[in-house]
PDB file of N, CA and C in Angstrom:
ATOM      1  N   MET A   1       0.874  -1.283   0.152  1.00  0.00           N
ATOM      2  CA  MET A   1      -0.153  -0.021  -0.082  1.00  0.00           C
ATOM      3  C   MET A   1       1.059   1.094   0.068  1.00  0.00           C
ATOM      4  N   THR A   2       1.906   1.379   0.348  1.00  0.00           N
ATOM      5  CA  THR A   2       2.709   2.316   0.935  1.00  0.00           C
ATOM      6  C   THR A   2       3.429   2.668  -0.702  1.00  0.00           C
ATOM      7  N   ASP A   3       3.885   1.407  -1.321  1.00  0.00           N
ATOM      8  CA  ASP A   3       4.590   1.586  -2.361  1.00  0.00           C
ATOM      9  C   ASP A   3       3.833   2.396  -4.017  1.00  0.00           C
ATOM     10  N   ILE A   4       2.197   2.205  -3.247  1.00  0.00           N
ATOM     11  CA  ILE A   4       1.239   2.750  -4.442  1.00  0.00           C
ATOM     12  C   ILE A   4       1.334   4.703  -4.208  1.00  0.00           C
ATOM     13  N   LYS A   5       1.242   4.806  -2.683  1.00  0.00           N
ATOM     14  CA  LYS A   5       1.677   6.094  -2.148  1.00  0.00           C
ATOM     15  C   LYS A   5       2.331   6.613  -2.755  1.00  0.00           C
ATOM     16  N   ASP A   6       3.755   6.485  -2.473  1.00  0.00           N
ATOM     17  CA  ASP A   6       4.953   6.485  -3.047  1.00  0.00           C
ATOM     18  C   ASP A   6       4.983   7.140  -4.524  1.00  0.00           C
ATOM     19  N   LYS A   7       4.700   5.988  -5.387  1.00  0.00           N
ATOM     20  CA  LYS A   7       4.418   6.210  -6.703  1.00  0.00           C
ATOM     21  C   LYS A   7       3.241   7.272  -6.956  1.00  0.00           C
ATOM     22  N   LEU A   8       2.256   7.352  -6.706  1.00  0.00           N
ATOM     23  CA  LEU A   8       1.213   8.415  -6.450  1.00  0.00           C
ATOM     24  C   LEU A   8       1.574   9.772  -6.770  1.00  0.00           C
ATOM     25  N   GLY A   9       2.431   9.695  -5.232  1.00  0.00           N
ATOM     26  CA  GLY A   9       2.699  11.041  -4.935  1.00  0.00           C
ATOM     27  C   GLY A   9       4.103  11.630  -5.433  1.00  0.00           C
ATOM     28  N   GLY A  10       5.284  10.618  -5.850  1.00  0.00           N
ATOM     29  CA  GLY A  10       6.109  11.303  -6.824  1.00  0.00           C
ATOM     30  C   GLY A  10       5.448  11.988  -8.365  1.00  0.00           C
ATOM     31  N   LEU A  11       4.316  11.461  -8.609  1.00  0.00           N
ATOM     32  CA  LEU A  11       3.781  11.355 -10.157  1.00  0.00           C
ATOM     33  C   LEU A  11       2.983  12.460  -9.941  1.00  0.00           C
ATOM     34  N   ALA A  12       2.348  12.701  -8.702  1.00  0.00           N
ATOM     35  CA  ALA A  12       1.928  14.550  -8.449  1.00  0.00           C
ATOM     36  C   ALA A  12       2.801  15.459  -8.178  1.00  0.00           C
ATOM     37  N   ASP A  13       3.761  15.236  -7.725  1.00  0.00           N
ATOM     38  CA  ASP A  13       5.619  16.014  -7.852  1.00  0.00           C
ATOM     39  C   ASP A  13       5.570  16.353  -9.106  1.00  0.00           C
ATOM     40  N   LYS A  14       5.642  15.925  -9.759  1.00  0.00           N
ATOM     41  CA  LYS A  14       6.205  15.740 -11.017  1.00  0.00           C
ATOM     42  C   LYS A  14       4.928  16.341 -12.125  1.00  0.00           C
ATOM     43  N   LEU A  15       3.772  16.275 -11.915  1.00  0.00           N
ATOM     44  CA  LEU A  15       3.153  17.357 -12.696  1.00  0.00           C
ATOM     45  C   LEU A  15       3.032  18.705 -12.842  1.00  0.00           C
ATOM     46  N   LYS A  16       2.982  18.387 -10.974  1.00  0.00           N
ATOM     47  CA  LYS A  16       3.327  19.929 -10.315  1.00  0.00           C
ATOM     48  C   LYS A  16       4.465  20.437 -11.155  1.00  0.00           C
ATOM     49  N   LYS A  17       5.406  19.964 -10.863  1.00  0.00           N
ATOM     50  CA  LYS A  17       6.799  20.726 -11.515  1.00  0.00           C
ATOM     51  C   LYS A  17       6.653  20.872 -12.893  1.00  0.00           C
ATOM     52  N   GLU A  18       6.305  20.139 -13.928  1.00  0.00           N
ATOM     53  CA  GLU A  18       6.028  20.579 -15.306  1.00  0.00           C
ATOM     54  C   GLU A  18       5.333  21.026 -16.421  1.00  0.00           C
ATOM     55  N   THR A  19       5.415  21.773 -17.168  1.00  0.00           N
ATOM     56  CA  THR A  19       4.406  22.579 -17.291  1.00  0.00           C
ATOM     57  C   THR A  19       4.083  21.537 -18.571  1.00  0.00           C
ATOM     58  N   PRO A  20       2.396  21.494 -18.763  1.00  0.00           N
ATOM     59  CA  PRO A  20       1.734  20.378 -19.889  1.00  0.00           C
ATOM     60  C   PRO A  20       1.995  20.892 -20.775  1.00  0.00           C
ATOM     61  N   LYS A  21       2.178  20.013 -22.429  1.00  0.00           N
ATOM     62  CA  LYS A  21       2.702  20.652 -23.581  1.00  0.00           C
ATOM     63  C   LYS A  21       1.187  20.061 -24.116  1.00  0.00           C
ATOM     64  N   THR A  22       0.910  21.432 -24.608  1.00  0.00           N
ATOM     65  CA  THR A  22      -0.690  21.639 -25.148  1.00  0.00           C
ATOM     66  C   THR A  22      -0.209  21.818 -26.753  1.00  0.00           C
ATOM     67  N   PRO A  23      -0.690  20.840 -27.442  1.00  0.00           N
ATOM     68  CA  PRO A  23      -0.950  20.480 -29.102  1.00  0.00           C
ATOM     69  C   PRO A  23      -1.586  21.751 -29.776  1.00  0.00           C
ATOM     70  N   ILE A  24      -0.925  21.741 -30.627  1.00  0.00           N
ATOM     71  CA  ILE A  24      -1.394  23.055 -31.582  1.00  0.00           C
ATOM     72  C   ILE A  24      -2.107  22.655 -32.428  1.00  0.00           C
ATOM     73  N   GLN A  25      -3.599  22.676 -32.828  1.00  0.00           N
ATOM     74  CA  GLN A  25      -4.000  22.481 -33.503  1.00  0.00           C
ATOM     75  C   GLN A  25      -4.028  23.451 -35.073  1.00  0.00           C
ATOM     76  N   GLU A  26      -3.708  22.875 -36.282  1.00  0.00           N
ATOM     77  CA  GLU A  26      -3.950  23.789 -37.513  1.00  0.00           C
ATOM     78  C   GLU A  26      -5.142  24.216 -38.020  1.00  0.00           C
ATOM     79  N   VAL A  27      -5.332  25.331 -38.188  1.00  0.00           N
ATOM     80  CA  VAL A  27      -6.952  26.139 -38.031  1.00  0.00           C
ATOM     81  C   VAL A  27      -7.003  25.768 -39.972  1.00  0.00           C
ATOM     82  N   GLN A  28      -8.126  25.280 -40.835  1.00  0.00           N
ATOM     83  CA  GLN A  28      -8.083  25.103 -42.454  1.00  0.00           C
ATOM     84  C   GLN A  28      -9.318  25.524 -42.166  1.00  0.00           C
ATOM     85  N   PRO A  29      -9.735  26.333 -43.720  1.00  0.00           N
ATOM     86  CA  PRO A  29     -10.854  26.684 -43.578  1.00  0.00           C
ATOM     87  C   PRO A  29     -11.770  25.875 -43.773  1.00  0.00           C
ATOM     88  N   VAL A  30     -12.882  26.278 -43.940  1.00  0.00           N
ATOM     89  CA  VAL A  30     -14.125  24.908 -44.351  1.00  0.00           C
ATOM     90  C   VAL A  30     -14.165  25.559 -45.803  1.00  0.00           C
ATOM     91  N   ARG A  31     -14.330  24.094 -46.668  1.00  0.00           N
ATOM     92  CA  ARG A  31     -14.672  24.154 -48.147  1.00  0.00           C
ATOM     93  C   ARG A  31     -15.842  25.112 -48.563  1.00  0.00           C
ATOM     94  N   GLN A  32     -15.947  25.625 -49.422  1.00  0.00           N
ATOM     95  CA  GLN A  32     -17.105  25.961 -50.359  1.00  0.00           C
ATOM     96  C   GLN A  32     -17.102  24.632 -51.450  1.00  0.00           C
ATOM     97  N   THR A  33     -18.774  24.817 -51.080  1.00  0.00           N
ATOM     98  CA  THR A  33     -19.223  23.777 -52.417  1.00  0.00           C
ATOM     99  C   THR A  33     -18.686  24.453 -53.819  1.00  0.00           C
ATOM    100  N   ALA A  34     -18.127  22.699 -54.524  1.00  0.00           N
ATOM    101  CA  ALA A  34     -17.684  23.566 -55.743  1.00  0.00           C
ATOM    102  C   ALA A  34     -18.800  24.352 -57.107  1.00  0.00           C
ATOM    103  N   ALA A  35     -19.708  23.221 -56.743  1.00  0.00           N
ATOM    104  CA  ALA A  35     -20.803  24.069 -57.710  1.00  0.00           C
ATOM    105  C   ALA A  35     -22.276  24.824 -56.995  1.00  0.00           C
ATOM    106  N   VAL A  36     -23.044  25.708 -57.678  1.00  0.00           N
ATOM    107  CA  VAL A  36     -23.259  26.306 -57.290  1.00  0.00           C
ATOM    108  C   VAL A  36     -25.025  25.652 -57.592  1.00  0.00           C
ATOM    109  N   LYS A  37     -25.995  24.943 -57.136  1.00  0.00           N
ATOM    110  CA  LYS A  37     -26.918  24.595 -57.605  1.00  0.00           C
ATOM    111  C   LYS A  37     -27.704  25.836 -58.358  1.00  0.00           C
ATOM    112  N   GLU A  38     -28.425  25.267 -59.124  1.00  0.00           N
ATOM    113  CA  GLU A  38     -29.003  26.362 -59.957  1.00  0.00           C
ATOM    114  C   GLU A  38     -30.732  26.487 -59.505  1.00  0.00           C
ATOM    115  N   GLU A  39     -31.398  27.362 -59.072  1.00  0.00           N
ATOM    116  CA  GLU A  39     -32.864  27.676 -58.757  1.00  0.00           C
ATOM    117  C   GLU A  39     -33.765  26.724 -59.479  1.00  0.00           C
ATOM    118  N   GLU A  40     -34.379  25.961 -58.519  1.00  0.00           N
ATOM    119  CA  GLU A  40     -35.356  25.240 -58.840  1.00  0.00           C
ATOM    120  C   GLU A  40     -37.174  25.983 -58.636  1.00  0.00           C
ATOM    121  N   ALA A  41     -37.693  24.999 -59.080  1.00  0.00           N
ATOM    122  CA  ALA A  41     -39.035  25.098 -59.179  1.00  0.00           C
ATOM    123  C   ALA A  41     -40.052  24.004 -59.761  1.00  0.00           C
ATOM    124  N   GLN A  42     -41.175  24.291 -58.879  1.00  0.00           N
ATOM    125  CA  GLN A  42     -41.678  22.745 -58.081  1.00  0.00           C
ATOM    126  C   GLN A  42     -42.333  22.662 -59.827  1.00  0.00           C
ATOM    127  N   LEU A  43     -42.462  21.181 -60.313  1.00  0.00           N
ATOM    128  CA  LEU A  43     -43.862  20.354 -61.665  1.00  0.00           C
ATOM    129  C   LEU A  43     -44.483  19.580 -61.213  1.00  0.00           C
ATOM    130  N   ASN A  44     -45.540  19.855 -60.989  1.00  0.00           N
ATOM    131  CA  ASN A  44     -46.605  18.350 -61.042  1.00  0.00           C
ATOM    132  C   ASN A  44     -46.756  18.238 -62.477  1.00  0.00           C
ATOM    133  N   VAL A  45     -47.223  16.501 -62.902  1.00  0.00           N
ATOM    134  CA  VAL A  45     -47.745  16.635 -63.943  1.00  0.00           C
ATOM    135  C   VAL A  45     -48.381  15.184 -63.339  1.00  0.00           C
ATOM    136  N   TRP A  46     -49.443  14.893 -64.544  1.00  0.00           N
ATOM    137  CA  TRP A  46     -50.277  13.521 -64.577  1.00  0.00           C
ATOM    138  C   TRP A  46     -49.733  12.940 -65.300  1.00  0.00           C
ATOM    139  N   ILE A  47     -49.243  11.753 -65.524  1.00  0.00           N
ATOM    140  CA  ILE A  47     -48.949  11.061 -66.058  1.00  0.00           C
ATOM    141  C   ILE A  47     -49.291   9.566 -66.365  1.00  0.00           C
ATOM    142  N   PRO A  48     -49.540   8.806 -67.506  1.00  0.00           N
ATOM    143  CA  PRO A  48     -50.328   7.335 -66.997  1.00  0.00           C
ATOM    144  C   PRO A  48     -49.503   6.511 -65.841  1.00  0.00           C
ATOM    145  N   LYS A  49     -50.048   5.399 -65.498  1.00  0.00           N
ATOM    146  CA  LYS A  49     -49.711   4.869 -64.174  1.00  0.00           C
ATOM    147  C   LYS A  49     -48.506   3.685 -65.480  1.00  0.00           C
ATOM    148  N   ALA A  50     -48.665   3.370 -65.776  1.00  0.00           N
ATOM    149  CA  ALA A  50     -47.477   2.336 -67.029  1.00  0.00           C
ATOM    150  C   ALA A  50     -46.540   3.455 -67.158  1.00  0.00           C
ATOM    151  N   LEU A  51     -46.324   4.547 -67.726  1.00  0.00           N
ATOM    152  CA  LEU A  51     -45.284   5.356 -67.957  1.00  0.00           C
ATOM    153  C   LEU A  51     -44.611   5.250 -66.538  1.00  0.00           C
ATOM    154  N   LEU A  52     -45.461   5.785 -65.719  1.00  0.00           N
ATOM    155  CA  LEU A  52     -44.637   5.831 -63.798  1.00  0.00           C
ATOM    156  C   LEU A  52     -43.689   4.877 -63.863  1.00  0.00           C
ATOM    157  N   LYS A  53     -44.713   3.870 -63.637  1.00  0.00           N
ATOM    158  CA  LYS A  53     -44.049   2.189 -63.246  1.00  0.00           C
ATOM    159  C   LYS A  53     -42.752   2.286 -64.432  1.00  0.00           C
ATOM    160  N   ARG A  54     -43.107   2.364 -65.441  1.00  0.00           N
ATOM    161  CA  ARG A  54     -41.744   2.287 -66.042  1.00  0.00           C
ATOM    162  C   ARG A  54     -40.803   2.903 -65.403  1.00  0.00           C
ATOM    163  N   VAL A  55     -41.026   4.549 -65.161  1.00  0.00           N
ATOM    164  CA  VAL A  55     -39.922   5.442 -64.922  1.00  0.00           C
ATOM    165  C   VAL A  55     -39.389   4.791 -63.979  1.00  0.00           C
ATOM    166  N   LYS A  56     -40.047   4.488 -62.829  1.00  0.00           N
ATOM    167  CA  LYS A  56     -39.437   3.785 -61.156  1.00  0.00           C
ATOM    168  C   LYS A  56     -38.315   2.732 -61.425  1.00  0.00           C
ATOM    169  N   THR A  57     -39.039   1.768 -62.453  1.00  0.00           N
ATOM    170  CA  THR A  57     -38.336   0.263 -62.485  1.00  0.00           C
ATOM    171  C   THR A  57     -36.643   0.930 -63.077  1.00  0.00           C
ATOM    172  N   TYR A  58     -36.685   2.269 -64.131  1.00  0.00           N
ATOM    173  CA  TYR A  58     -35.559   2.615 -64.647  1.00  0.00           C
ATOM    174  C   TYR A  58     -35.019   3.129 -63.358  1.00  0.00           C
ATOM    175  N   GLY A  59     -35.388   4.050 -62.631  1.00  0.00           N
ATOM    176  CA  GLY A  59     -34.745   4.099 -61.739  1.00  0.00           C
ATOM    177  C   GLY A  59     -33.857   3.778 -60.518  1.00  0.00           C
ATOM    178  N   VAL A  60     -34.706   2.120 -60.300  1.00  0.00           N
ATOM    179  CA  VAL A  60     -34.178   1.516 -59.515  1.00  0.00           C
ATOM    180  C   VAL A  60     -33.197   0.246 -59.864  1.00  0.00           C
ATOM    181  N   GLU A  61     -33.423   0.635 -61.108  1.00  0.00           N
ATOM    182  CA  GLU A  61     -31.940  -0.362 -62.147  1.00  0.00           C
ATOM    183  C   GLU A  61     -30.805  -0.013 -62.105  1.00  0.00           C
ATOM    184  N   TYR A  62     -31.105   1.766 -62.511  1.00  0.00           N
ATOM    185  CA  TYR A  62     -29.874   2.338 -62.931  1.00  0.00           C
ATOM    186  C   TYR A  62     -29.294   3.828 -61.425  1.00  0.00           C
ATOM    187  N   ASP A  63     -29.701   3.407 -60.394  1.00  0.00           N
ATOM    188  CA  ASP A  63     -29.440   3.907 -59.397  1.00  0.00           C
ATOM    189  C   ASP A  63     -29.882   5.702 -59.555  1.00  0.00           C
ATOM    190  N   ALA A  64     -31.344   6.205 -60.125  1.00  0.00           N
ATOM    191  CA  ALA A  64     -31.487   6.932 -60.390  1.00  0.00           C
ATOM    192  C   ALA A  64     -32.349   7.729 -60.083  1.00  0.00           C
ATOM    193  N   SER A  65     -33.194   8.814 -59.431  1.00  0.00           N
ATOM    194  CA  SER A  65     -34.288   9.469 -58.640  1.00  0.00           C
ATOM    195  C   SER A  65     -35.314   9.687 -60.132  1.00  0.00           C
ATOM    196  N   LEU A  66     -36.485  10.093 -59.822  1.00  0.00           N
ATOM    197  CA  LEU A  66     -37.278  10.386 -60.334  1.00  0.00           C
ATOM    198  C   LEU A  66     -36.908  11.912 -60.707  1.00  0.00           C
ATOM    199  N   LYS A  67     -36.870  12.513 -59.825  1.00  0.00           N
ATOM    200  CA  LYS A  67     -36.211  13.819 -60.161  1.00  0.00           C
ATOM    201  C   LYS A  67     -34.838  14.193 -61.154  1.00  0.00           C
ATOM    202  N   ASP A  68     -34.272  13.395 -61.385  1.00  0.00           N
ATOM    203  CA  ASP A  68     -33.264  13.267 -62.137  1.00  0.00           C
ATOM    204  C   ASP A  68     -33.414  12.520 -63.728  1.00  0.00           C
ATOM    205  N   ILE A  69     -34.081  11.428 -63.482  1.00  0.00           N
ATOM    206  CA  ILE A  69     -34.905  11.104 -64.600  1.00  0.00           C
ATOM    207  C   ILE A  69     -35.643  12.241 -65.409  1.00  0.00           C
ATOM    208  N   SER A  70     -36.876  12.665 -64.618  1.00  0.00           N
ATOM    209  CA  SER A  70     -37.415  13.699 -65.170  1.00  0.00           C
ATOM    210  C   SER A  70     -36.846  14.700 -66.241  1.00  0.00           C
ATOM    211  N   ILE A  71     -35.631  15.343 -65.061  1.00  0.00           N
ATOM    212  CA  ILE A  71     -34.629  16.466 -65.975  1.00  0.00           C
ATOM    213  C   ILE A  71     -34.262  16.078 -67.081  1.00  0.00           C
ATOM    214  N   ASP A  72     -33.469  14.933 -67.162  1.00  0.00           N
ATOM    215  CA  ASP A  72     -32.695  14.547 -68.445  1.00  0.00           C
ATOM    216  C   ASP A  72     -33.731  14.360 -69.281  1.00  0.00           C
ATOM    217  N   ALA A  73     -35.085  13.889 -69.239  1.00  0.00           N
ATOM    218  CA  ALA A  73     -36.046  13.159 -70.522  1.00  0.00           C
ATOM    219  C   ALA A  73     -36.212  15.055 -70.512  1.00  0.00           C
ATOM    220  N   LEU A  74     -36.413  15.657 -69.961  1.00  0.00           N
ATOM    221  CA  LEU A  74     -37.397  16.661 -70.589  1.00  0.00           C
ATOM    222  C   LEU A  74     -35.907  17.655 -71.607  1.00  0.00           C
ATOM    223  N   LYS A  75     -35.005  17.940 -70.635  1.00  0.00           N
ATOM    224  CA  LYS A  75     -33.904  18.434 -71.904  1.00  0.00           C
ATOM    225  C   LYS A  75     -33.216  17.714 -72.898  1.00  0.00           C
ATOM    226  N   PHE A  76     -33.447  16.532 -72.854  1.00  0.00           N
ATOM    227  CA  PHE A  76     -33.417  15.475 -74.324  1.00  0.00           C
ATOM    228  C   PHE A  76     -34.700  16.079 -75.074  1.00  0.00           C
ATOM    229  N   PHE A  77     -35.658  15.990 -74.866  1.00  0.00           N
ATOM    230  CA  PHE A  77     -37.199  16.464 -75.427  1.00  0.00           C
ATOM    231  C   PHE A  77     -36.731  17.912 -75.698  1.00  0.00           C
ATOM    232  N   LEU A  78     -36.206  18.769 -75.550  1.00  0.00           N
ATOM    233  CA  LEU A  78     -36.276  20.016 -75.620  1.00  0.00           C
ATOM    234  C   LEU A  78     -35.397  20.292 -76.853  1.00  0.00           C
ATOM    235  N   ASP A  79     -34.166  19.429 -76.673  1.00  0.00           N
ATOM    236  CA  ASP A  79     -32.585  19.712 -77.191  1.00  0.00           C
ATOM    237  C   ASP A  79     -33.271  19.129 -78.747  1.00  0.00           C
ATOM    238  N   ALA A  80     -33.856  18.040 -78.740  1.00  0.00           N
ATOM    239  CA  ALA A  80     -34.425  17.091 -80.161  1.00  0.00           C
ATOM    240  C   ALA A  80     -35.215  18.506 -80.772  1.00  0.00           C
ATOM    241  N   LYS A  81     -36.192  18.906 -80.230  1.00  0.00           N
ATOM    242  CA  LYS A  81     -37.372  19.539 -80.616  1.00  0.00           C
ATOM    243  C   LYS A  81     -36.455  20.848 -81.025  1.00  0.00           C
ATOM    244  N   LEU A  82     -35.865  21.070 -80.613  1.00  0.00           N
ATOM    245  CA  LEU A  82     -35.048  23.042 -80.766  1.00  0.00           C
ATOM    246  C   LEU A  82     -33.733  22.357 -82.228  1.00  0.00           C
ATOM    247  N   LYS A  83     -33.479  21.005 -82.199  1.00  0.00           N
ATOM    248  CA  LYS A  83     -32.602  20.879 -83.632  1.00  0.00           C
ATOM    249  C   LYS A  83     -33.346  20.781 -84.487  1.00  0.00           C
ATOM    250  N   LYS A  84     -34.589  19.937 -84.835  1.00  0.00           N
ATOM    251  CA  LYS A  84     -35.486  19.902 -85.649  1.00  0.00           C
ATOM    252  C   LYS A  84     -35.890  20.907 -86.358  1.00  0.00           C
ATOM    253  N   SER A  85     -36.364  22.239 -85.240  1.00  0.00           N
ATOM    254  CA  SER A  85     -36.907  23.523 -85.613  1.00  0.00           C
ATOM    255  C   SER A  85     -35.835  24.475 -86.598  1.00  0.00           C
ATOM    256  N   THR A  86     -34.670  24.104 -86.064  1.00  0.00           N
ATOM    257  CA  THR A  86     -33.715  25.036 -86.683  1.00  0.00           C
ATOM    258  C   THR A  86     -32.889  24.563 -88.030  1.00  0.00           C
TER     259      THR A  86
END
């Protein structure tokens, strides 16, 4: 029992004599998001159930959201229409 007290007593004295070494942290600024998102608007449409089922199936197979599929489809459609008219 006295050995433990001697060891702990020596430790306490050692801690009192030495100043603790505090680690210095390097501060780095938070990175900004690379791409700024486009402003979005809501679109609600009624489509045939069979088409919705096909779109959902495609989304599951190719890991794509309904939003992404809709945006791609609308862009493709409008680009094709504009090419025909010019």
